[in-house]
Amino acid sequence: MAARAQLGRLFWGVYFVAENLVLWARSEPLGYAVNLLQAGAE
């Protein structure tokens, strides 16, 4: 059970970092390309 909680925490940590990277990328000129990639992935 503890391992699962640790895995969940790790997942949220990675998700949080990824979300911040996306927000940062969107504020950059490069963000346009990121938005296109995301639109294609969805």
PDB file of N, CA and C in Angstrom:
ATOM      1  N   MET A   1       0.838  -1.200   0.000  1.00  0.00           N
ATOM      2  CA  MET A   1       0.000   0.000   0.000  1.00  0.00           C
ATOM      3  C   MET A   1       0.874   1.251   0.000  1.00  0.00           C
ATOM      4  N   ALA A   2       1.933   1.210   0.793  1.00  0.00           N
ATOM      5  CA  ALA A   2       2.835   2.363   0.862  1.00  0.00           C
ATOM      6  C   ALA A   2       3.503   2.605  -0.490  1.00  0.00           C
ATOM      7  N   ALA A   3       3.816   1.503  -1.175  1.00  0.00           N
ATOM      8  CA  ALA A   3       4.452   1.618  -2.488  1.00  0.00           C
ATOM      9  C   ALA A   3       3.519   2.317  -3.471  1.00  0.00           C
ATOM     10  N   ARG A   4       2.235   1.988  -3.386  1.00  0.00           N
ATOM     11  CA  ARG A   4       1.253   2.599  -4.290  1.00  0.00           C
ATOM     12  C   ARG A   4       1.140   4.096  -4.016  1.00  0.00           C
ATOM     13  N   ALA A   5       1.155   4.467  -2.736  1.00  0.00           N
ATOM     14  CA  ALA A   5       1.077   5.884  -2.362  1.00  0.00           C
ATOM     15  C   ALA A   5       2.303   6.629  -2.884  1.00  0.00           C
ATOM     16  N   GLN A   6       3.457   5.977  -2.795  1.00  0.00           N
ATOM     17  CA  GLN A   6       4.698   6.585  -3.272  1.00  0.00           C
ATOM     18  C   GLN A   6       4.644   6.760  -4.788  1.00  0.00           C
ATOM     19  N   LEU A   7       4.112   5.761  -5.470  1.00  0.00           N
ATOM     20  CA  LEU A   7       3.987   5.816  -6.925  1.00  0.00           C
ATOM     21  C   LEU A   7       3.043   6.946  -7.320  1.00  0.00           C
ATOM     22  N   GLY A   8       1.956   7.086  -6.568  1.00  0.00           N
ATOM     23  CA  GLY A   8       0.998   8.156  -6.834  1.00  0.00           C
ATOM     24  C   GLY A   8       1.635   9.518  -6.662  1.00  0.00           C
ATOM     25  N   ARG A   9       2.434   9.657  -5.614  1.00  0.00           N
ATOM     26  CA  ARG A   9       3.112  10.928  -5.354  1.00  0.00           C
ATOM     27  C   ARG A   9       4.090  11.234  -6.483  1.00  0.00           C
ATOM     28  N   LEU A  10       4.802  10.198  -6.937  1.00  0.00           N
ATOM     29  CA  LEU A  10       5.752  10.358  -8.040  1.00  0.00           C
ATOM     30  C   LEU A  10       5.018  10.791  -9.301  1.00  0.00           C
ATOM     31  N   PHE A  11       3.867  10.143  -9.562  1.00  0.00           N
ATOM     32  CA  PHE A  11       3.068  10.476 -10.738  1.00  0.00           C
ATOM     33  C   PHE A  11       2.649  11.934 -10.710  1.00  0.00           C
ATOM     34  N   TRP A  12       2.144  12.384  -9.551  1.00  0.00           N
ATOM     35  CA  TRP A  12       1.694  13.771  -9.443  1.00  0.00           C
ATOM     36  C   TRP A  12       2.863  14.733  -9.576  1.00  0.00           C
ATOM     37  N   GLY A  13       4.034  14.344  -9.072  1.00  0.00           N
ATOM     38  CA  GLY A  13       5.218  15.190  -9.204  1.00  0.00           C
ATOM     39  C   GLY A  13       5.593  15.365 -10.668  1.00  0.00           C
ATOM     40  N   VAL A  14       5.597  14.262 -11.403  1.00  0.00           N
ATOM     41  CA  VAL A  14       5.922  14.301 -12.834  1.00  0.00           C
ATOM     42  C   VAL A  14       4.874  15.109 -13.587  1.00  0.00           C
ATOM     43  N   TYR A  15       3.607  14.882 -13.235  1.00  0.00           N
ATOM     44  CA  TYR A  15       2.506  15.593 -13.892  1.00  0.00           C
ATOM     45  C   TYR A  15       2.624  17.095 -13.658  1.00  0.00           C
ATOM     46  N   PHE A  16       2.941  17.461 -12.416  1.00  0.00           N
ATOM     47  CA  PHE A  16       3.075  18.872 -12.057  1.00  0.00           C
ATOM     48  C   PHE A  16       4.195  19.536 -12.856  1.00  0.00           C
ATOM     49  N   VAL A  17       5.331  18.855 -12.954  1.00  0.00           N
ATOM     50  CA  VAL A  17       6.469  19.379 -13.712  1.00  0.00           C
ATOM     51  C   VAL A  17       6.100  19.516 -15.187  1.00  0.00           C
ATOM     52  N   ALA A  18       5.448  18.491 -15.731  1.00  0.00           N
ATOM     53  CA  ALA A  18       5.050  18.523 -17.139  1.00  0.00           C
ATOM     54  C   ALA A  18       4.087  19.678 -17.403  1.00  0.00           C
ATOM     55  N   GLU A  19       3.140  19.870 -16.479  1.00  0.00           N
ATOM     56  CA  GLU A  19       2.164  20.948 -16.618  1.00  0.00           C
ATOM     57  C   GLU A  19       2.862  22.304 -16.626  1.00  0.00           C
ATOM     58  N   ASN A  20       3.845  22.468 -15.734  1.00  0.00           N
ATOM     59  CA  ASN A  20       4.591  23.724 -15.682  1.00  0.00           C
ATOM     60  C   ASN A  20       5.391  23.950 -16.957  1.00  0.00           C
ATOM     61  N   LEU A  21       5.966  22.879 -17.493  1.00  0.00           N
ATOM     62  CA  LEU A  21       6.716  22.986 -18.742  1.00  0.00           C
ATOM     63  C   LEU A  21       5.807  23.423 -19.878  1.00  0.00           C
ATOM     64  N   VAL A  22       4.596  22.871 -19.909  1.00  0.00           N
ATOM     65  CA  VAL A  22       3.633  23.235 -20.950  1.00  0.00           C
ATOM     66  C   VAL A  22       3.246  24.705 -20.817  1.00  0.00           C
ATOM     67  N   LEU A  23       2.971  25.135 -19.583  1.00  0.00           N
ATOM     68  CA  LEU A  23       2.604  26.538 -19.350  1.00  0.00           C
ATOM     69  C   LEU A  23       3.744  27.461 -19.765  1.00  0.00           C
ATOM     70  N   TRP A  24       4.978  27.064 -19.432  1.00  0.00           N
ATOM     71  CA  TRP A  24       6.142  27.872 -19.792  1.00  0.00           C
ATOM     72  C   TRP A  24       6.308  27.901 -21.310  1.00  0.00           C
ATOM     73  N   ALA A  25       6.151  26.737 -21.934  1.00  0.00           N
ATOM     74  CA  ALA A  25       6.315  26.642 -23.385  1.00  0.00           C
ATOM     75  C   ALA A  25       5.281  27.505 -24.106  1.00  0.00           C
ATOM     76  N   ARG A  26       4.057  27.531 -23.577  1.00  0.00           N
ATOM     77  CA  ARG A  26       2.997  28.317 -24.205  1.00  0.00           C
ATOM     78  C   ARG A  26       3.292  29.802 -24.133  1.00  0.00           C
ATOM     79  N   SER A  27       4.034  30.223 -23.111  1.00  0.00           N
ATOM     80  CA  SER A  27       4.349  31.641 -22.964  1.00  0.00           C
ATOM     81  C   SER A  27       5.530  32.031 -23.850  1.00  0.00           C
ATOM     82  N   GLU A  28       6.166  31.032 -24.443  1.00  0.00           N
ATOM     83  CA  GLU A  28       7.296  31.267 -25.340  1.00  0.00           C
ATOM     84  C   GLU A  28       6.812  31.202 -26.793  1.00  0.00           C
ATOM     85  N   PRO A  29       7.578  31.744 -27.729  1.00  0.00           N
ATOM     86  CA  PRO A  29       7.219  31.635 -29.152  1.00  0.00           C
ATOM     87  C   PRO A  29       7.048  30.167 -29.552  1.00  0.00           C
ATOM     88  N   LEU A  30       7.830  29.321 -28.923  1.00  0.00           N
ATOM     89  CA  LEU A  30       7.814  27.883 -29.154  1.00  0.00           C
ATOM     90  C   LEU A  30       6.476  27.270 -28.755  1.00  0.00           C
ATOM     91  N   GLY A  31       5.725  27.985 -27.920  1.00  0.00           N
ATOM     92  CA  GLY A  31       4.444  27.496 -27.438  1.00  0.00           C
ATOM     93  C   GLY A  31       3.468  27.180 -28.558  1.00  0.00           C
ATOM     94  N   TYR A  32       3.569  27.903 -29.645  1.00  0.00           N
ATOM     95  CA  TYR A  32       2.669  27.665 -30.776  1.00  0.00           C
ATOM     96  C   TYR A  32       2.840  26.245 -31.308  1.00  0.00           C
ATOM     97  N   ALA A  33       4.092  25.826 -31.438  1.00  0.00           N
ATOM     98  CA  ALA A  33       4.391  24.479 -31.913  1.00  0.00           C
ATOM     99  C   ALA A  33       3.897  23.441 -30.908  1.00  0.00           C
ATOM    100  N   VAL A  34       4.057  23.723 -29.617  1.00  0.00           N
ATOM    101  CA  VAL A  34       3.604  22.806 -28.572  1.00  0.00           C
ATOM    102  C   VAL A  34       2.091  22.630 -28.650  1.00  0.00           C
ATOM    103  N   ASN A  35       1.382  23.729 -28.857  1.00  0.00           N
ATOM    104  CA  ASN A  35      -0.076  23.661 -28.973  1.00  0.00           C
ATOM    105  C   ASN A  35      -0.488  22.809 -30.168  1.00  0.00           C
ATOM    106  N   LEU A  36       0.219  22.956 -31.277  1.00  0.00           N
ATOM    107  CA  LEU A  36      -0.084  22.162 -32.470  1.00  0.00           C
ATOM    108  C   LEU A  36       0.157  20.677 -32.200  1.00  0.00           C
ATOM    109  N   LEU A  37       1.259  20.370 -31.510  1.00  0.00           N
ATOM    110  CA  LEU A  37       1.579  18.984 -31.184  1.00  0.00           C
ATOM    111  C   LEU A  37       0.515  18.392 -30.277  1.00  0.00           C
ATOM    112  N   GLN A  38       0.093  19.166 -29.284  1.00  0.00           N
ATOM    113  CA  GLN A  38      -0.932  18.689 -28.356  1.00  0.00           C
ATOM    114  C   GLN A  38      -2.250  18.461 -29.077  1.00  0.00           C
ATOM    115  N   ALA A  39      -2.606  19.370 -29.966  1.00  0.00           N
ATOM    116  CA  ALA A  39      -3.851  19.237 -30.720  1.00  0.00           C
ATOM    117  C   ALA A  39      -3.806  17.964 -31.568  1.00  0.00           C
ATOM    118  N   GLY A  40      -2.642  17.660 -32.114  1.00  0.00           N
ATOM    119  CA  GLY A  40      -2.497  16.464 -32.929  1.00  0.00           C
ATOM    120  C   GLY A  40      -2.539  15.195 -32.094  1.00  0.00           C
ATOM    121  N   ALA A  41      -2.069  15.292 -30.849  1.00  0.00           N
ATOM    122  CA  ALA A  41      -2.029  14.124 -29.967  1.00  0.00           C
ATOM    123  C   ALA A  41      -3.406  13.790 -29.412  1.00  0.00           C
ATOM    124  N   GLU A  42      -4.266  14.785 -29.292  1.00  0.00           N
ATOM    125  CA  GLU A  42      -5.585  14.559 -28.691  1.00  0.00           C
ATOM    126  C   GLU A  42      -6.588  13.990 -29.688  1.00  0.00           C
TER     127      GLU A  42
END
